[in-house]
Structure formats: C-alpha cells, structure tokens
Amino acid sequence: MTLTPISAPARMDDKIVLVTGAAGGIGRATTLALAEAGATVIATDIADNADFGRNDVIFRRYDVTSRNETDALVADILKDHGRIDGLVLCAGTISHRPLTESTDEEWRAILDVNLMGVVNPVRAIFSVMERQGAGKMVALGSIAAKIGGVASGPSYVAAKSAVHGLMKWVAKAGASKGIYASIIAPGPVETPMWETVTQRAAPSANGNVPLGRFGQPEDIAQAILFLCSPASNWITGTVLDVNGGMLMD
C-alpha cells in the first residue's frame, strides 16, 4: 500500500495534467489555473483549436466519446512526457428537455459525452497512475446530481449522478495505489453552456443563492486546483460543493 503523503502547498510544479473540455468556460479557467500553479497542461477539446497564450499549455483536439482517440492521446502523452500526474474532466453538454419529451437520441448524446466522456479517459489513465503509484483525478459533477436538477433535464441529471458514483468507485479502488479521485459539484456558473440554466435559476428575493451571485469559471477552477494539488493529500472520494450556498450539505 502506498503511504499517503502529508498535505502541502497547492503547487503543481513539474506535474503533467490532462484537461478535457479545455476550451469551455470552466475548462479554460482550470487550464490556466493549473499552468499558473506550475503544471504542464495537455488541454484537449472537440474544438479544432484553442489559444491559451502560454507555452506550458499544449492543445490537442480530442473527442472524449472515442475510446480509440483516448488510447492514442494517452500513448502520445506518455511518449512525450513519460507520465500523467493529473486528470481533470470538464467536457460536458446539457439538455433541458423534460422526461416525457426526451428522445433516445438525446439520451445517447448526453450520456455519451457526460458519462462515457469520463469513463474513457479514467479507464485509460487508471492503470497509468497505478504504475506510477500516484495520480489525481477530478471530475465535474453537478449540484443537479444531488438535488435532482436545477433547470436541467433528466438525462443530464442521470449522467452526472453516474459520474459521482464512478469517481467514488475510483477513489476506493485507487486509494491503496496512490490514486485520488474526487468530484466538483458546481451550482449555476456563468458559462456559455450554462447560460440558459442561470436564466432559469436566477437569484430571487427568497435568496436561492445565499452568496448573492452566480459562479464564475475561476470559482470552480480554484477548487479543482485544490483537489489536484498536494493541498488535498488527505481528501479523496469527496463531492465538493461549489455553489454559492445553494446547497448546504
């Protein structure tokens, strides 16, 4: 069994971190936060290109729903860098369609990106981190998975709930191997994907966001950095709520 190191400052010097969904609002902020903390970041997205303005961020186009692309990406990272110290799973898509109006195609699309888009890289990188005897994985879950939705549809809630369960399994299976796994559960965050959610779940007179504002990508990015870094060396399998007080669990 690998002995758990004592927690240390939130630096990522000399670490190699793969981020999925890196061109999105939260993914981009997370990529920049990790790089600022010293990591070399392999920033991936389905987008054809993304400019982060930093030499320590390497962009790769990558479709998280493809197992073949996943295996090829991991092999390339290992060839170029020799290790993968962190995996941050930000790729996602959303649906608001009610259950009775949902289609099989919608369910497949939402589950493919939000669930299999986590399963594929986690499955490929678990053995890499096991061989290293160390590694940290952080997945974006959602407050929706804990309360049954904010303004999202059932397919999104189901997918994010599965992500929560998967990462807890990884945390238990990986703990003795030096592998950490945790989940960030954001509330409404002002990103392009969540624009319609924040419109539907706006702060109101009864104060459904006690801290009085929607989240910004940087709010989530700093929480992810904490869970990726040595500052969280006695934390695994947790769901960290970052939601302005909407859910006090």
C-alpha atoms as a PDB file:
ATOM      1  CA  MET A   1       0.000   0.000   0.000  1.00  0.00           C
ATOM      2  CA  THR A   2       1.251   3.442  -0.917  1.00  0.00           C
ATOM      3  CA  LEU A   3       1.568   5.698   2.113  1.00  0.00           C
ATOM      4  CA  THR A   4      -0.437   8.883   1.739  1.00  0.00           C
ATOM      5  CA  PRO A   5       1.790  11.963   1.678  1.00  0.00           C
ATOM      6  CA  ILE A   6       1.041  14.795   4.072  1.00  0.00           C
ATOM      7  CA  SER A   7      -0.710  17.786   2.528  1.00  0.00           C
ATOM      8  CA  ALA A   8       1.463  20.601   1.197  1.00  0.00           C
ATOM      9  CA  PRO A   9       1.011  23.934  -0.598  1.00  0.00           C
ATOM     10  CA  ALA A  10      -1.129  23.992  -3.739  1.00  0.00           C
ATOM     11  CA  ARG A  11       1.706  23.970  -6.254  1.00  0.00           C
ATOM     12  CA  MET A  12       1.813  21.812  -9.392  1.00  0.00           C
ATOM     13  CA  ASP A  13       5.448  22.243 -10.411  1.00  0.00           C
ATOM     14  CA  ASP A  14       6.711  19.557 -12.809  1.00  0.00           C
ATOM     15  CA  LYS A  15       3.273  17.887 -12.954  1.00  0.00           C
ATOM     16  CA  ILE A  16       1.700  16.736 -16.214  1.00  0.00           C
ATOM     17  CA  VAL A  17      -2.064  17.259 -16.235  1.00  0.00           C
ATOM     18  CA  LEU A  18      -4.612  16.330 -18.884  1.00  0.00           C
ATOM     19  CA  VAL A  19      -7.729  18.515 -19.039  1.00  0.00           C
ATOM     20  CA  THR A  20     -10.758  17.617 -21.152  1.00  0.00           C
ATOM     21  CA  GLY A  21     -13.248  20.225 -22.307  1.00  0.00           C
ATOM     22  CA  ALA A  22     -10.474  22.787 -22.014  1.00  0.00           C
ATOM     23  CA  ALA A  23     -11.908  25.296 -24.486  1.00  0.00           C
ATOM     24  CA  GLY A  24     -15.078  25.795 -22.430  1.00  0.00           C
ATOM     25  CA  GLY A  25     -15.536  28.348 -19.666  1.00  0.00           C
ATOM     26  CA  ILE A  26     -14.629  26.137 -16.692  1.00  0.00           C
ATOM     27  CA  GLY A  27     -12.114  24.071 -18.658  1.00  0.00           C
ATOM     28  CA  ARG A  28     -10.253  27.134 -19.867  1.00  0.00           C
ATOM     29  CA  ALA A  29     -10.128  28.732 -16.410  1.00  0.00           C
ATOM     30  CA  THR A  30      -8.932  25.422 -14.948  1.00  0.00           C
ATOM     31  CA  THR A  31      -6.225  25.029 -17.584  1.00  0.00           C
ATOM     32  CA  LEU A  32      -4.891  28.490 -16.828  1.00  0.00           C
ATOM     33  CA  ALA A  33      -5.064  27.969 -13.047  1.00  0.00           C
ATOM     34  CA  LEU A  34      -3.111  24.707 -13.277  1.00  0.00           C
ATOM     35  CA  ALA A  35      -0.491  26.261 -15.551  1.00  0.00           C
ATOM     36  CA  GLU A  36      -0.149  29.265 -13.244  1.00  0.00           C
ATOM     37  CA  ALA A  37       0.487  26.818 -10.385  1.00  0.00           C
ATOM     38  CA  GLY A  38       3.377  25.282 -12.327  1.00  0.00           C
ATOM     39  CA  ALA A  39       1.852  22.369 -14.253  1.00  0.00           C
ATOM     40  CA  THR A  40       2.369  21.452 -17.866  1.00  0.00           C
ATOM     41  CA  VAL A  41      -1.192  21.107 -19.147  1.00  0.00           C
ATOM     42  CA  ILE A  42      -2.353  18.994 -22.055  1.00  0.00           C
ATOM     43  CA  ALA A  43      -5.504  20.941 -22.885  1.00  0.00           C
ATOM     44  CA  THR A  44      -7.971  18.977 -25.007  1.00  0.00           C
ATOM     45  CA  ASP A  45     -11.292  19.745 -26.619  1.00  0.00           C
ATOM     46  CA  ILE A  46     -13.508  18.765 -29.514  1.00  0.00           C
ATOM     47  CA  ALA A  47     -12.866  22.258 -30.904  1.00  0.00           C
ATOM     48  CA  ASP A  48     -10.385  22.410 -33.745  1.00  0.00           C
ATOM     49  CA  ASN A  49      -8.106  24.838 -31.949  1.00  0.00           C
ATOM     50  CA  ALA A  50      -7.798  26.915 -28.787  1.00  0.00           C
ATOM     51  CA  ASP A  51      -5.230  29.512 -27.812  1.00  0.00           C
ATOM     52  CA  PHE A  52      -4.293  29.779 -24.146  1.00  0.00           C
ATOM     53  CA  GLY A  53      -1.391  32.184 -24.607  1.00  0.00           C
ATOM     54  CA  ARG A  54       1.059  30.057 -22.610  1.00  0.00           C
ATOM     55  CA  ASN A  55       3.976  27.825 -23.579  1.00  0.00           C
ATOM     56  CA  ASP A  56       3.159  25.431 -20.733  1.00  0.00           C
ATOM     57  CA  VAL A  57      -0.274  24.654 -22.230  1.00  0.00           C
ATOM     58  CA  ILE A  58      -0.299  22.176 -25.120  1.00  0.00           C
ATOM     59  CA  PHE A  59      -3.550  21.958 -27.066  1.00  0.00           C
ATOM     60  CA  ARG A  60      -4.765  18.697 -28.587  1.00  0.00           C
ATOM     61  CA  ARG A  61      -8.036  18.134 -30.384  1.00  0.00           C
ATOM     62  CA  TYR A  62      -9.708  15.145 -28.731  1.00  0.00           C
ATOM     63  CA  ASP A  63     -13.154  13.566 -28.759  1.00  0.00           C
ATOM     64  CA  VAL A  64     -13.819  12.153 -25.282  1.00  0.00           C
ATOM     65  CA  THR A  65     -16.502   9.819 -26.649  1.00  0.00           C
ATOM     66  CA  SER A  66     -13.928   7.867 -28.685  1.00  0.00           C
ATOM     67  CA  ARG A  67     -12.040   5.087 -26.954  1.00  0.00           C
ATOM     68  CA  ASN A  68      -9.591   4.859 -29.845  1.00  0.00           C
ATOM     69  CA  GLU A  69      -8.781   8.582 -29.630  1.00  0.00           C
ATOM     70  CA  THR A  70      -8.426   8.236 -25.873  1.00  0.00           C
ATOM     71  CA  ASP A  71      -5.899   5.423 -26.146  1.00  0.00           C
ATOM     72  CA  ALA A  72      -3.929   7.311 -28.806  1.00  0.00           C
ATOM     73  CA  LEU A  73      -3.883  10.517 -26.742  1.00  0.00           C
ATOM     74  CA  VAL A  74      -2.680   8.746 -23.607  1.00  0.00           C
ATOM     75  CA  ALA A  75       0.041   6.944 -25.574  1.00  0.00           C
ATOM     76  CA  ASP A  76       1.230  10.251 -27.055  1.00  0.00           C
ATOM     77  CA  ILE A  77       1.351  11.964 -23.655  1.00  0.00           C
ATOM     78  CA  LEU A  78       3.366   9.107 -22.182  1.00  0.00           C
ATOM     79  CA  LYS A  79       5.726   9.153 -25.155  1.00  0.00           C
ATOM     80  CA  ASP A  80       6.294  12.905 -24.843  1.00  0.00           C
ATOM     81  CA  HIS A  81       6.211  13.355 -21.060  1.00  0.00           C
ATOM     82  CA  GLY A  82       6.613   9.924 -19.505  1.00  0.00           C
ATOM     83  CA  ARG A  83       3.776  10.265 -17.005  1.00  0.00           C
ATOM     84  CA  ILE A  84       0.327  11.679 -16.273  1.00  0.00           C
ATOM     85  CA  ASP A  85       0.008  13.173 -12.801  1.00  0.00           C
ATOM     86  CA  GLY A  86      -3.455  14.682 -13.053  1.00  0.00           C
ATOM     87  CA  LEU A  87      -6.682  14.195 -14.988  1.00  0.00           C
ATOM     88  CA  VAL A  88      -9.371  16.881 -14.959  1.00  0.00           C
ATOM     89  CA  LEU A  89     -12.659  16.029 -16.649  1.00  0.00           C
ATOM     90  CA  CYS A  90     -14.514  19.152 -17.777  1.00  0.00           C
ATOM     91  CA  ALA A  91     -16.045  18.028 -21.080  1.00  0.00           C
ATOM     92  CA  GLY A  92     -19.818  18.132 -20.988  1.00  0.00           C
ATOM     93  CA  THR A  93     -23.095  19.050 -22.641  1.00  0.00           C
ATOM     94  CA  ILE A  94     -26.565  19.764 -21.278  1.00  0.00           C
ATOM     95  CA  SER A  95     -30.225  19.225 -22.053  1.00  0.00           C
ATOM     96  CA  HIS A  96     -33.304  20.846 -20.522  1.00  0.00           C
ATOM     97  CA  ARG A  97     -35.895  18.599 -22.177  1.00  0.00           C
ATOM     98  CA  PRO A  98     -38.481  17.062 -19.798  1.00  0.00           C
ATOM     99  CA  LEU A  99     -38.621  13.282 -19.408  1.00  0.00           C
ATOM    100  CA  THR A 100     -41.798  12.766 -21.422  1.00  0.00           C
ATOM    101  CA  GLU A 101     -40.398  14.793 -24.316  1.00  0.00           C
ATOM    102  CA  SER A 102     -36.928  13.227 -24.282  1.00  0.00           C
ATOM    103  CA  THR A 103     -35.753  11.053 -27.136  1.00  0.00           C
ATOM    104  CA  ASP A 104     -33.450   8.072 -27.368  1.00  0.00           C
ATOM    105  CA  GLU A 105     -31.057  10.165 -29.452  1.00  0.00           C
ATOM    106  CA  GLU A 106     -30.890  12.838 -26.753  1.00  0.00           C
ATOM    107  CA  TRP A 107     -30.213  10.290 -24.019  1.00  0.00           C
ATOM    108  CA  ARG A 108     -27.446   8.687 -26.059  1.00  0.00           C
ATOM    109  CA  ALA A 109     -25.848  12.058 -26.830  1.00  0.00           C
ATOM    110  CA  ILE A 110     -25.939  13.287 -23.225  1.00  0.00           C
ATOM    111  CA  LEU A 111     -24.698  10.004 -21.759  1.00  0.00           C
ATOM    112  CA  ASP A 112     -22.022   9.648 -24.424  1.00  0.00           C
ATOM    113  CA  VAL A 113     -20.371  12.980 -23.609  1.00  0.00           C
ATOM    114  CA  ASN A 114     -21.103  13.397 -19.896  1.00  0.00           C
ATOM    115  CA  LEU A 115     -20.643   9.790 -18.785  1.00  0.00           C
ATOM    116  CA  MET A 116     -18.576   7.922 -21.373  1.00  0.00           C
ATOM    117  CA  GLY A 117     -16.518  11.084 -21.804  1.00  0.00           C
ATOM    118  CA  VAL A 118     -15.425  10.464 -18.211  1.00  0.00           C
ATOM    119  CA  VAL A 119     -15.268   6.675 -18.395  1.00  0.00           C
ATOM    120  CA  ASN A 120     -12.942   6.632 -21.416  1.00  0.00           C
ATOM    121  CA  PRO A 121     -10.073   8.747 -20.010  1.00  0.00           C
ATOM    122  CA  VAL A 122     -10.471   7.398 -16.468  1.00  0.00           C
ATOM    123  CA  ARG A 123     -10.332   3.819 -17.734  1.00  0.00           C
ATOM    124  CA  ALA A 124      -7.233   4.531 -19.814  1.00  0.00           C
ATOM    125  CA  ILE A 125      -5.341   6.531 -17.187  1.00  0.00           C
ATOM    126  CA  PHE A 126      -6.153   4.481 -14.080  1.00  0.00           C
ATOM    127  CA  SER A 127      -3.523   1.874 -14.995  1.00  0.00           C
ATOM    128  CA  VAL A 128      -1.007   4.611 -15.825  1.00  0.00           C
ATOM    129  CA  MET A 129      -1.392   6.140 -12.372  1.00  0.00           C
ATOM    130  CA  GLU A 130      -1.330   2.690 -10.799  1.00  0.00           C
ATOM    131  CA  ARG A 131       2.073   2.002 -12.354  1.00  0.00           C
ATOM    132  CA  GLN A 132       3.303   5.402 -11.188  1.00  0.00           C
ATOM    133  CA  GLY A 133       1.955   4.825  -7.675  1.00  0.00           C
ATOM    134  CA  ALA A 134       0.419   8.306  -7.750  1.00  0.00           C
ATOM    135  CA  GLY A 135      -2.124  10.476  -9.532  1.00  0.00           C
ATOM    136  CA  LYS A 136      -5.163  12.666  -9.008  1.00  0.00           C
ATOM    137  CA  MET A 137      -8.421  12.707 -10.941  1.00  0.00           C
ATOM    138  CA  VAL A 138     -11.105  15.375 -10.629  1.00  0.00           C
ATOM    139  CA  ALA A 139     -14.412  15.232 -12.487  1.00  0.00           C
ATOM    140  CA  LEU A 140     -17.040  17.905 -12.929  1.00  0.00           C
ATOM    141  CA  GLY A 141     -20.257  16.624 -11.443  1.00  0.00           C
ATOM    142  CA  SER A 142     -23.173  18.912 -10.676  1.00  0.00           C
ATOM    143  CA  ILE A 143     -25.460  20.169  -7.952  1.00  0.00           C
ATOM    144  CA  ALA A 144     -28.153  18.713 -10.232  1.00  0.00           C
ATOM    145  CA  ALA A 145     -26.968  15.202  -9.368  1.00  0.00           C
ATOM    146  CA  LYS A 146     -27.501  15.891  -5.657  1.00  0.00           C
ATOM    147  CA  ILE A 147     -30.887  17.619  -5.744  1.00  0.00           C
ATOM    148  CA  GLY A 148     -32.492  16.170  -8.875  1.00  0.00           C
ATOM    149  CA  GLY A 149     -31.773  19.113 -11.154  1.00  0.00           C
ATOM    150  CA  VAL A 150     -31.717  22.893 -11.092  1.00  0.00           C
ATOM    151  CA  ALA A 151     -33.124  23.629 -14.516  1.00  0.00           C
ATOM    152  CA  SER A 152     -31.594  20.721 -16.443  1.00  0.00           C
ATOM    153  CA  GLY A 153     -33.416  17.714 -17.834  1.00  0.00           C
ATOM    154  CA  PRO A 154     -33.350  14.134 -16.521  1.00  0.00           C
ATOM    155  CA  SER A 155     -30.731  12.878 -18.970  1.00  0.00           C
ATOM    156  CA  TYR A 156     -28.201  15.401 -17.642  1.00  0.00           C
ATOM    157  CA  VAL A 157     -29.078  14.612 -14.008  1.00  0.00           C
ATOM    158  CA  ALA A 158     -28.706  10.884 -14.644  1.00  0.00           C
ATOM    159  CA  ALA A 159     -25.355  11.283 -16.381  1.00  0.00           C
ATOM    160  CA  LYS A 160     -23.889  13.488 -13.660  1.00  0.00           C
ATOM    161  CA  SER A 161     -25.204  11.170 -10.940  1.00  0.00           C
ATOM    162  CA  ALA A 162     -23.370   8.314 -12.640  1.00  0.00           C
ATOM    163  CA  VAL A 163     -20.183  10.393 -12.722  1.00  0.00           C
ATOM    164  CA  HIS A 164     -20.455  10.944  -8.957  1.00  0.00           C
ATOM    165  CA  GLY A 165     -20.771   7.197  -8.392  1.00  0.00           C
ATOM    166  CA  LEU A 166     -17.982   6.285 -10.802  1.00  0.00           C
ATOM    167  CA  MET A 167     -15.470   8.632  -9.209  1.00  0.00           C
ATOM    168  CA  LYS A 168     -16.283   7.316  -5.734  1.00  0.00           C
ATOM    169  CA  TRP A 169     -15.597   3.807  -7.038  1.00  0.00           C
ATOM    170  CA  VAL A 170     -12.263   5.002  -8.463  1.00  0.00           C
ATOM    171  CA  ALA A 171     -11.414   6.630  -5.135  1.00  0.00           C
ATOM    172  CA  LYS A 172     -11.992   3.381  -3.239  1.00  0.00           C
ATOM    173  CA  ALA A 173     -10.238   1.178  -5.773  1.00  0.00           C
ATOM    174  CA  GLY A 174      -7.342   3.568  -6.212  1.00  0.00           C
ATOM    175  CA  ALA A 175      -6.625   4.641  -2.649  1.00  0.00           C
ATOM    176  CA  SER A 176      -4.157   1.862  -1.905  1.00  0.00           C
ATOM    177  CA  LYS A 177      -2.420   2.550  -5.222  1.00  0.00           C
ATOM    178  CA  GLY A 178      -1.839   6.263  -4.640  1.00  0.00           C
ATOM    179  CA  ILE A 179      -4.711   7.296  -6.916  1.00  0.00           C
ATOM    180  CA  TYR A 180      -7.081  10.027  -5.748  1.00  0.00           C
ATOM    181  CA  ALA A 181     -10.492  10.736  -7.288  1.00  0.00           C
ATOM    182  CA  SER A 182     -12.947  13.477  -6.390  1.00  0.00           C
ATOM    183  CA  ILE A 183     -15.866  15.418  -7.813  1.00  0.00           C
ATOM    184  CA  ILE A 184     -16.636  19.121  -8.025  1.00  0.00           C
ATOM    185  CA  ALA A 185     -20.390  19.804  -7.949  1.00  0.00           C
ATOM    186  CA  PRO A 186     -20.913  23.339  -9.277  1.00  0.00           C
ATOM    187  CA  GLY A 187     -24.083  25.325  -8.943  1.00  0.00           C
ATOM    188  CA  PRO A 188     -25.067  27.684 -11.782  1.00  0.00           C
ATOM    189  CA  VAL A 189     -21.897  29.111 -13.347  1.00  0.00           C
ATOM    190  CA  GLU A 190     -21.862  31.844 -15.960  1.00  0.00           C
ATOM    191  CA  THR A 191     -20.516  29.990 -18.977  1.00  0.00           C
ATOM    192  CA  PRO A 192     -21.966  29.685 -22.488  1.00  0.00           C
ATOM    193  CA  MET A 193     -23.245  26.159 -21.767  1.00  0.00           C
ATOM    194  CA  TRP A 194     -24.991  27.218 -18.579  1.00  0.00           C
ATOM    195  CA  GLU A 195     -26.472  30.455 -19.850  1.00  0.00           C
ATOM    196  CA  THR A 196     -29.984  29.057 -20.082  1.00  0.00           C
ATOM    197  CA  VAL A 197     -29.667  27.429 -16.663  1.00  0.00           C
ATOM    198  CA  THR A 198     -28.657  30.648 -14.956  1.00  0.00           C
ATOM    199  CA  GLN A 199     -31.583  32.399 -16.608  1.00  0.00           C
ATOM    200  CA  ARG A 200     -33.970  29.794 -15.201  1.00  0.00           C
ATOM    201  CA  ALA A 201     -32.325  29.591 -11.779  1.00  0.00           C
ATOM    202  CA  ALA A 202     -31.713  33.291 -11.188  1.00  0.00           C
ATOM    203  CA  PRO A 203     -31.209  34.599  -7.628  1.00  0.00           C
ATOM    204  CA  SER A 204     -34.542  35.696  -6.221  1.00  0.00           C
ATOM    205  CA  ALA A 205     -35.987  37.501  -3.238  1.00  0.00           C
ATOM    206  CA  ASN A 206     -36.009  34.300  -1.217  1.00  0.00           C
ATOM    207  CA  GLY A 207     -32.250  34.034  -1.739  1.00  0.00           C
ATOM    208  CA  ASN A 208     -31.741  30.748  -3.565  1.00  0.00           C
ATOM    209  CA  VAL A 209     -28.081  31.771  -3.965  1.00  0.00           C
ATOM    210  CA  PRO A 210     -27.157  32.998  -0.471  1.00  0.00           C
ATOM    211  CA  LEU A 211     -23.835  34.472  -1.592  1.00  0.00           C
ATOM    212  CA  GLY A 212     -25.769  36.649  -3.998  1.00  0.00           C
ATOM    213  CA  ARG A 213     -24.229  35.886  -7.384  1.00  0.00           C
ATOM    214  CA  PHE A 214     -23.754  33.154  -9.919  1.00  0.00           C
ATOM    215  CA  GLY A 215     -20.474  31.311 -10.042  1.00  0.00           C
ATOM    216  CA  GLN A 216     -17.660  32.307 -12.356  1.00  0.00           C
ATOM    217  CA  PRO A 217     -15.340  29.809 -14.052  1.00  0.00           C
ATOM    218  CA  GLU A 218     -12.498  30.887 -11.764  1.00  0.00           C
ATOM    219  CA  ASP A 219     -14.529  29.852  -8.700  1.00  0.00           C
ATOM    220  CA  ILE A 220     -14.618  26.286  -9.994  1.00  0.00           C
ATOM    221  CA  ALA A 221     -11.073  26.326 -11.362  1.00  0.00           C
ATOM    222  CA  GLN A 222      -9.541  27.159  -7.987  1.00  0.00           C
ATOM    223  CA  ALA A 223     -11.477  24.344  -6.329  1.00  0.00           C
ATOM    224  CA  ILE A 224     -10.243  21.934  -8.986  1.00  0.00           C
ATOM    225  CA  LEU A 225      -6.677  23.147  -8.477  1.00  0.00           C
ATOM    226  CA  PHE A 226      -7.021  22.428  -4.759  1.00  0.00           C
ATOM    227  CA  LEU A 227      -8.146  18.844  -5.401  1.00  0.00           C
ATOM    228  CA  CYS A 228      -5.396  18.272  -7.998  1.00  0.00           C
ATOM    229  CA  SER A 229      -2.658  19.672  -5.814  1.00  0.00           C
ATOM    230  CA  PRO A 230      -0.775  18.410  -2.731  1.00  0.00           C
ATOM    231  CA  ALA A 231      -3.018  20.674  -0.618  1.00  0.00           C
ATOM    232  CA  SER A 232      -5.671  17.916  -0.708  1.00  0.00           C
ATOM    233  CA  ASN A 233      -3.495  14.914   0.128  1.00  0.00           C
ATOM    234  CA  TRP A 234      -5.911  13.597   2.750  1.00  0.00           C
ATOM    235  CA  ILE A 235      -9.029  14.031   0.620  1.00  0.00           C
ATOM    236  CA  THR A 236     -10.446  11.503  -1.832  1.00  0.00           C
ATOM    237  CA  GLY A 237     -13.880  10.325  -2.906  1.00  0.00           C
ATOM    238  CA  THR A 238     -15.391  13.658  -1.920  1.00  0.00           C
ATOM    239  CA  VAL A 239     -18.061  15.690  -3.683  1.00  0.00           C
ATOM    240  CA  LEU A 240     -17.015  19.289  -3.154  1.00  0.00           C
ATOM    241  CA  ASP A 241     -19.996  21.651  -3.425  1.00  0.00           C
ATOM    242  CA  VAL A 242     -19.122  24.977  -5.073  1.00  0.00           C
ATOM    243  CA  ASN A 243     -22.486  26.655  -5.417  1.00  0.00           C
ATOM    244  CA  GLY A 244     -22.700  29.942  -3.508  1.00  0.00           C
ATOM    245  CA  GLY A 245     -24.595  28.249  -0.686  1.00  0.00           C
ATOM    246  CA  MET A 246     -27.491  26.922  -2.813  1.00  0.00           C
ATOM    247  CA  LEU A 247     -26.937  23.526  -1.226  1.00  0.00           C
ATOM    248  CA  MET A 248     -25.518  23.305   2.280  1.00  0.00           C
ATOM    249  CA  ASP A 249     -24.876  19.602   2.662  1.00  0.00           C
END
